[in-house]
Protein backbone atom coordinates (compact mmCIF):
# COMPACT_ATOMS: atom_id res chain seq x y z
CA UNK A 1 -39.40 21.54 20.82
CA UNK A 2 -41.88 20.96 17.98
CA UNK A 3 -44.25 18.06 18.49
CA UNK A 4 -44.16 15.31 15.95
CA UNK A 5 -47.19 14.73 13.81
CA UNK A 6 -49.06 11.75 15.23
CA UNK A 7 -48.95 8.53 13.29
CA UNK A 8 -52.28 7.39 11.98
CA UNK A 9 -52.56 3.59 12.14
CA UNK A 10 -55.51 1.80 10.47
CA UNK A 11 -57.08 -1.46 11.70
CA UNK A 12 -55.31 -3.36 8.88
CA UNK A 13 -52.19 -2.72 6.82
CA UNK A 14 -50.54 -4.24 3.77
CA UNK A 15 -47.28 -6.21 3.83
CA UNK A 16 -44.94 -5.69 0.88
CA UNK A 17 -42.38 -8.47 1.36
CA UNK A 18 -43.33 -9.93 -2.05
CA UNK A 19 -42.75 -6.62 -3.87
CA UNK A 20 -39.29 -7.22 -5.28
CA UNK A 21 -38.75 -10.72 -3.87
CA UNK A 22 -38.03 -13.22 -6.64
CA UNK A 23 -36.76 -16.02 -4.43
CA UNK A 24 -39.88 -16.76 -2.39
CA UNK A 25 -42.61 -14.85 -4.20
CA UNK A 26 -41.58 -14.93 -7.88
CA UNK A 27 -41.59 -11.16 -8.40
CA UNK A 28 -40.68 -9.66 -11.75
CA UNK A 29 -40.84 -6.08 -12.99
CA UNK A 30 -43.86 -6.70 -15.23
CA UNK A 31 -45.92 -6.81 -11.99
CA UNK A 32 -45.30 -3.14 -11.15
CA UNK A 33 -48.49 -1.71 -12.72
CA UNK A 34 -50.58 -4.31 -10.89
CA UNK A 35 -48.79 -3.42 -7.61
CA UNK A 36 -49.57 0.27 -8.15
CA UNK A 37 -53.23 -0.72 -8.56
CA UNK A 38 -52.98 -2.74 -5.30
CA UNK A 39 -51.53 0.32 -3.50
CA UNK A 40 -54.28 2.60 -4.87
CA UNK A 41 -57.08 0.19 -3.95
CA UNK A 42 -55.72 -0.25 -0.41
CA UNK A 43 -55.33 3.46 0.34
CA UNK A 44 -58.70 4.26 -1.19
CA UNK A 45 -60.28 1.72 1.22
CA UNK A 46 -58.52 3.04 4.31
CA UNK A 47 -55.69 0.46 4.34
CA UNK A 48 -53.02 3.14 4.68
CA UNK A 49 -50.20 1.31 6.51
CA UNK A 50 -47.57 -0.27 4.24
CA UNK A 51 -44.92 -2.38 5.88
CA UNK A 52 -41.59 -2.82 4.11
CA UNK A 53 -37.91 -3.37 4.92
CA UNK A 54 -34.60 -2.15 3.56
CA UNK A 55 -33.66 -5.80 2.95
CA UNK A 56 -36.76 -6.51 0.84
CA UNK A 57 -35.91 -7.42 -2.73
CA UNK A 58 -33.73 -10.24 -4.03
CA UNK A 59 -30.12 -9.68 -5.13
CA UNK A 60 -29.84 -6.74 -7.51
CA UNK A 61 -33.40 -5.82 -6.55
CA UNK A 62 -32.43 -5.06 -2.94
CA UNK A 63 -34.47 -2.08 -1.71
CA UNK A 64 -36.96 -2.61 -4.55
CA UNK A 65 -39.98 -2.67 -2.24
CA UNK A 66 -39.10 0.78 -0.87
CA UNK A 67 -38.46 2.19 -4.37
CA UNK A 68 -41.85 0.94 -5.54
CA UNK A 69 -43.65 2.31 -2.49
CA UNK A 70 -42.02 5.69 -3.01
CA UNK A 71 -43.19 5.77 -6.60
CA UNK A 72 -46.72 4.55 -5.83
CA UNK A 73 -47.05 7.10 -3.02
CA UNK A 74 -46.02 9.97 -5.33
CA UNK A 75 -48.39 8.89 -8.07
CA UNK A 76 -51.41 8.30 -5.82
CA UNK A 77 -53.83 11.24 -5.82
CA UNK A 78 -56.99 9.72 -4.30
CA UNK A 79 -58.56 9.90 -0.85
CA UNK A 80 -56.75 9.13 2.45
CA UNK A 81 -53.40 10.25 0.98
CA UNK A 82 -52.64 12.27 4.13
CA UNK A 83 -52.98 9.09 6.25
CA UNK A 84 -50.45 6.99 4.31
CA UNK A 85 -47.92 5.54 6.74
CA UNK A 86 -44.85 3.85 5.29
CA UNK A 87 -43.20 1.67 7.90
CA UNK A 88 -39.76 0.32 7.09
CA UNK A 89 -37.68 -2.20 9.01
CA UNK A 90 -33.92 -1.68 9.14
CA UNK A 91 -32.00 -4.96 9.03
CA UNK A 92 -29.49 -5.75 11.78
CA UNK A 93 -26.81 -6.69 9.25
CA UNK A 94 -23.52 -7.85 10.83
CA UNK A 95 -21.74 -4.77 9.42
CA UNK A 96 -24.29 -2.46 11.06
CA UNK A 97 -23.42 -1.93 14.68
CA UNK A 98 -22.98 1.80 15.34
CA UNK A 99 -25.76 4.28 15.99
CA UNK A 100 -24.59 6.24 12.90
CA UNK A 101 -25.09 3.14 10.74
CA UNK A 102 -28.80 3.11 11.66
CA UNK A 103 -29.21 6.81 10.90
CA UNK A 104 -27.43 6.32 7.57
CA UNK A 105 -29.60 3.27 6.75
CA UNK A 106 -32.78 5.21 7.45
CA UNK A 107 -31.61 8.11 5.28
CA UNK A 108 -30.94 5.62 2.44
CA UNK A 109 -34.49 4.24 2.88
CA UNK A 110 -35.86 7.81 2.79
CA UNK A 111 -33.95 8.39 -0.46
CA UNK A 112 -35.54 5.31 -2.04
CA UNK A 113 -38.97 6.37 -0.77
CA UNK A 114 -38.49 9.98 -1.87
CA UNK A 115 -39.72 11.06 1.59
CA UNK A 116 -38.94 10.50 5.25
CA UNK A 117 -39.80 7.10 6.71
CA UNK A 118 -42.96 7.47 8.83
CA UNK A 119 -42.40 4.53 11.18
CA UNK A 120 -38.91 3.06 11.50
CA UNK A 121 -38.58 -0.41 13.00
CA UNK A 122 -35.70 -2.61 14.10
CA UNK A 123 -36.13 -5.63 11.80
CA UNK A 124 -34.93 -8.14 14.38
CA UNK A 125 -33.06 -8.37 17.64
CA UNK A 126 -29.47 -9.62 17.74
CA UNK A 127 -29.89 -10.74 21.37
CA UNK A 128 -29.90 -14.44 20.44
CA UNK A 129 -26.47 -14.34 18.83
CA UNK A 130 -24.68 -10.96 19.26
CA UNK A 131 -26.20 -9.00 22.15
CA UNK A 132 -23.40 -6.41 22.06
CA UNK A 133 -24.40 -5.38 18.53
CA UNK A 134 -27.81 -4.18 19.59
CA UNK A 135 -26.68 -1.37 21.87
CA UNK A 136 -25.58 0.91 19.03
CA UNK A 137 -28.50 -0.05 16.79
CA UNK A 138 -31.08 0.85 19.43
CA UNK A 139 -29.30 4.14 20.19
CA UNK A 140 -29.46 4.92 16.47
CA UNK A 141 -33.17 4.11 16.38
CA UNK A 142 -33.82 6.58 19.22
CA UNK A 143 -31.56 9.16 17.49
CA UNK A 144 -33.81 9.01 14.42
CA UNK A 145 -36.81 9.97 16.54
CA UNK A 146 -34.94 12.72 18.38
CA UNK A 147 -33.64 14.15 15.11
CA UNK A 148 -37.21 14.30 13.74
CA UNK A 149 -36.29 12.02 10.84
CA UNK A 150 -39.22 9.69 11.64
CA UNK A 151 -42.65 10.09 13.23
CA UNK A 152 -42.47 6.87 15.24
CA UNK A 153 -40.25 3.99 16.29
CA UNK A 154 -41.14 0.30 16.41
CA UNK A 155 -39.59 -3.10 17.04
CA UNK A 156 -40.00 -6.43 15.29
CA UNK A 157 -39.59 -10.01 16.60
CA UNK A 158 -38.92 -8.90 20.19
CA UNK A 159 -40.09 -10.92 23.19
CA UNK A 160 -41.39 -9.50 26.51
CA UNK A 161 -38.11 -9.49 28.41
CA UNK A 162 -36.34 -7.46 25.78
CA UNK A 163 -39.31 -5.27 25.02
CA UNK A 164 -39.32 -4.12 28.66
CA UNK A 165 -35.58 -3.42 28.54
CA UNK A 166 -35.84 -1.35 25.36
CA UNK A 167 -38.91 0.47 26.64
CA UNK A 168 -37.02 1.48 29.81
CA UNK A 169 -33.97 2.55 27.78
CA UNK A 170 -36.07 4.62 25.37
CA UNK A 171 -38.25 6.15 28.10
CA UNK A 172 -35.11 7.72 29.61
CA UNK A 173 -34.71 9.60 26.33
CA UNK A 174 -38.41 10.41 25.95
CA UNK A 175 -38.75 8.12 22.93
CA UNK A 176 -42.03 6.15 22.85
CA UNK A 177 -42.27 2.73 21.17
CA UNK A 178 -45.24 2.94 18.80
CA UNK A 179 -45.46 -0.62 17.53
CA UNK A 180 -44.19 -4.16 17.99
CA UNK A 181 -44.41 -6.53 15.05
CA UNK A 182 -44.59 -10.32 15.50
CA UNK A 183 -45.61 -13.35 13.46
CA UNK A 184 -49.19 -13.90 14.57
CA UNK A 185 -52.02 -15.93 13.07
CA UNK A 186 -54.29 -18.88 13.85
CA UNK A 187 -51.23 -21.04 13.08
CA UNK A 188 -48.84 -18.93 15.13
CA UNK A 189 -50.42 -17.87 18.42
CA UNK A 190 -47.14 -18.29 20.35
CA UNK A 191 -46.28 -14.55 20.74
CA UNK A 192 -49.62 -13.92 22.45
CA UNK A 193 -50.57 -17.19 24.16
CA UNK A 194 -47.10 -18.16 25.37
CA UNK A 195 -45.10 -14.94 25.47
CA UNK A 196 -48.01 -12.75 26.66
CA UNK A 197 -47.01 -9.93 24.34
CA UNK A 198 -50.50 -8.52 23.76
CA UNK A 199 -51.08 -7.85 27.46
CA UNK A 200 -47.65 -6.29 27.82
CA UNK A 201 -48.16 -4.08 24.75
CA UNK A 202 -51.54 -2.92 26.10
CA UNK A 203 -49.89 -2.06 29.39
CA UNK A 204 -47.12 -0.09 27.64
CA UNK A 205 -49.39 1.61 25.09
CA UNK A 206 -47.82 -0.19 22.13
CA UNK A 207 -49.78 -1.39 19.08
CA UNK A 208 -49.18 -5.03 18.13
CA UNK A 209 -48.75 -5.61 14.38
CA UNK A 210 -49.45 -9.17 13.15
CA UNK A 211 -47.30 -10.15 10.21
CA UNK A 212 -48.00 -13.28 8.16
CA UNK A 213 -51.66 -13.37 9.36
CA UNK A 214 -52.44 -15.92 6.63
CA UNK A 215 -49.38 -18.07 7.47
CA UNK A 216 -47.77 -17.71 4.02
CA UNK A 217 -51.10 -18.74 2.43
CA UNK A 218 -51.85 -21.84 4.54
CA UNK A 219 -54.99 -20.21 6.00
CA UNK A 220 -56.46 -19.13 2.66
CA UNK A 221 -58.04 -22.52 1.94
CA UNK A 222 -56.30 -22.54 -1.46
CA UNK A 223 -53.98 -25.42 -0.55
CA UNK A 224 -54.70 -29.00 0.46
CA UNK A 225 -52.69 -32.12 1.19
CA UNK A 226 -53.60 -33.42 -2.25
CA UNK A 227 -51.81 -30.43 -3.81
CA UNK A 228 -50.73 -28.72 -5.95
CA UNK A 229 -48.47 -26.88 -3.52
CA UNK A 230 -46.23 -23.83 -4.07
CA UNK A 231 -42.71 -24.47 -5.32
CA UNK A 232 -39.59 -24.36 -3.17
CA UNK A 233 -39.38 -23.68 0.57
CA UNK A 234 -43.08 -22.86 0.96
CA UNK A 235 -44.11 -26.19 -0.60
CA UNK A 236 -41.84 -28.15 1.77
CA UNK A 237 -43.25 -26.32 4.78
CA UNK A 238 -46.86 -26.78 3.64
CA UNK A 239 -46.30 -30.53 3.23
CA UNK A 240 -45.31 -30.75 6.91
CA UNK A 241 -48.06 -28.52 8.33
CA UNK A 242 -51.19 -29.26 6.27
CA UNK A 243 -51.94 -32.76 7.69
CA UNK A 244 -52.17 -31.40 11.24
CA UNK A 245 -54.50 -28.51 10.44
CA UNK A 246 -57.49 -30.33 8.98
CA UNK A 247 -59.83 -29.42 11.84
CA UNK A 248 -58.68 -25.78 11.79
CA UNK A 249 -59.33 -25.51 8.05
CA UNK A 250 -62.71 -27.17 8.57
CA UNK A 251 -63.61 -24.69 11.28
CA UNK A 252 -62.45 -21.72 9.14
CA UNK A 253 -64.53 -22.99 6.24
CA UNK A 254 -67.62 -23.39 8.40
CA UNK A 255 -67.38 -19.85 9.82
CA UNK A 256 -66.62 -18.43 6.36
CA UNK A 257 -69.69 -20.09 4.84
CA UNK A 258 -72.03 -18.96 7.60
CA UNK A 259 -70.71 -15.40 7.27
CA UNK A 260 -70.64 -15.41 3.47
CA UNK A 261 -66.94 -14.52 3.66
CA UNK A 262 -63.77 -16.26 2.48
CA UNK A 263 -61.47 -18.24 4.78
CA UNK A 264 -58.78 -15.57 4.35
CA UNK A 265 -61.19 -12.86 5.45
CA UNK A 266 -62.13 -14.83 8.56
CA UNK A 267 -58.46 -15.48 9.44
CA UNK A 268 -57.60 -11.78 9.07
CA UNK A 269 -60.70 -10.68 10.98
CA UNK A 270 -59.72 -13.02 13.83
CA UNK A 271 -56.41 -11.10 14.13
CA UNK A 272 -58.29 -7.79 14.24
CA UNK A 273 -60.67 -9.16 16.91
CA UNK A 274 -57.58 -10.06 18.97
CA UNK A 275 -56.64 -6.37 19.01
CA UNK A 276 -53.75 -6.59 16.54
CA UNK A 277 -53.15 -4.81 13.22
CA UNK A 278 -52.73 -7.59 10.63
CA UNK A 279 -50.62 -6.81 7.54
CA UNK A 280 -51.50 -9.44 4.93
CA UNK A 281 -49.56 -9.16 1.68
CA UNK A 282 -51.14 -8.65 -1.73
CA UNK A 283 -49.58 -9.12 -5.14
CA UNK A 284 -52.76 -8.72 -7.18
CA UNK A 285 -55.87 -6.52 -7.13
CA UNK A 286 -57.96 -9.67 -6.44
CA UNK A 287 -55.89 -10.48 -3.33
CA UNK A 288 -56.06 -6.87 -2.12
CA UNK A 289 -59.83 -6.81 -2.64
CA UNK A 290 -60.19 -10.06 -0.72
CA UNK A 291 -58.08 -8.71 2.18
CA UNK A 292 -60.19 -5.53 2.30
CA UNK A 293 -63.27 -7.78 2.69
CA UNK A 294 -61.98 -8.62 6.19
CA UNK A 295 -62.93 -5.08 7.29
CA UNK A 296 -66.26 -3.59 8.34
CA UNK A 297 -67.61 -6.56 10.31
CA UNK A 298 -66.59 -8.66 13.32
CA UNK A 299 -66.59 -12.28 14.36
CA UNK A 300 -68.72 -12.95 17.43
CA UNK A 301 -67.52 -14.38 20.74
CA UNK A 302 -68.53 -17.97 20.01
CA UNK A 303 -66.93 -17.96 16.55
CA UNK A 304 -63.68 -16.66 18.07
CA UNK A 305 -63.83 -19.36 20.77
CA UNK A 306 -64.34 -22.10 18.14
CA UNK A 307 -61.39 -20.83 16.08
CA UNK A 308 -59.21 -20.53 19.21
CA UNK A 309 -59.99 -24.13 20.12
CA UNK A 310 -59.23 -25.39 16.60
CA UNK A 311 -55.96 -23.38 16.57
CA UNK A 312 -54.88 -24.88 19.91
CA UNK A 313 -55.34 -28.41 18.49
CA UNK A 314 -53.21 -27.96 15.39
CA UNK A 315 -50.59 -30.72 15.05
CA UNK A 316 -47.54 -28.87 13.71
CA UNK A 317 -47.62 -25.11 14.19
CA UNK A 318 -46.03 -22.52 11.95
CA UNK A 319 -42.25 -22.30 12.28
CA UNK A 320 -41.31 -19.33 14.48
CA UNK A 321 -39.01 -16.66 13.13
CA UNK A 322 -35.46 -17.63 14.17
CA UNK A 323 -34.87 -14.08 15.41
CA UNK A 324 -37.92 -14.01 17.73
CA UNK A 325 -36.61 -13.45 21.24
CA UNK A 326 -38.15 -14.35 24.59
């Protein structure tokens, strides 16, 4: 049996939820050249993991994120090209419940990407509302690995109890779990502090990916209670959370100034120091450049302790993903 090429995972990746999403992120097709420049800049600087999903893209733009990544990957000719890892999450849609449906979904993603998916992930668990549905989906995920259609398999929004169950199930088939992705940031420490997922992942040899490390922009320092705030759902959420995070923002600002870094860079670096792979999004070259500035240095023990303390005292924490299981 041929051995699969090992996945190469960097210390930080790039999230591409906004690439194709009009509803929350205001995407339109005129942004595509800028997004190609973001992709190029990231890869050139060693940020070679791109996280996407087959459900990314609004309405008629469904799958747009994967299509764009496929195009950018083909057109990129710079350094680190051989390390590019495109990770896609397959949605647990209600009409997907057989193992074949997962294999078919992954092949559709590969078609949009113009290449095989490197790391395939289950987008969320159905355990909270339709546990029976998951059996076939997980079998399909393992089939993809066995059939050499992917280099690695990961999970997203799974809690410890279920992670152990899936790990046992997959181990029987010789399928390792490469990654687990959870919402993790200074405003969302729950998966690590309460669910203990980092320790469990270390024990099982699984890399923990931190999505939304900047809490939808709340940790960038760009927003204040006085406004202006983003439109729509994000604005409503920010209005509720900002008053309770004054001391955290103050602490972030203090550390950022003493380090000559931005608040975003400190928040991302904190995730890296916690042993996770953060995947902040970037819609512009400026944002990508700022994210890259979180690499190549490390917060010290006392700075981490100060940030931990400020994070623990936040009034209203970030809303947890409704699909996150225990």
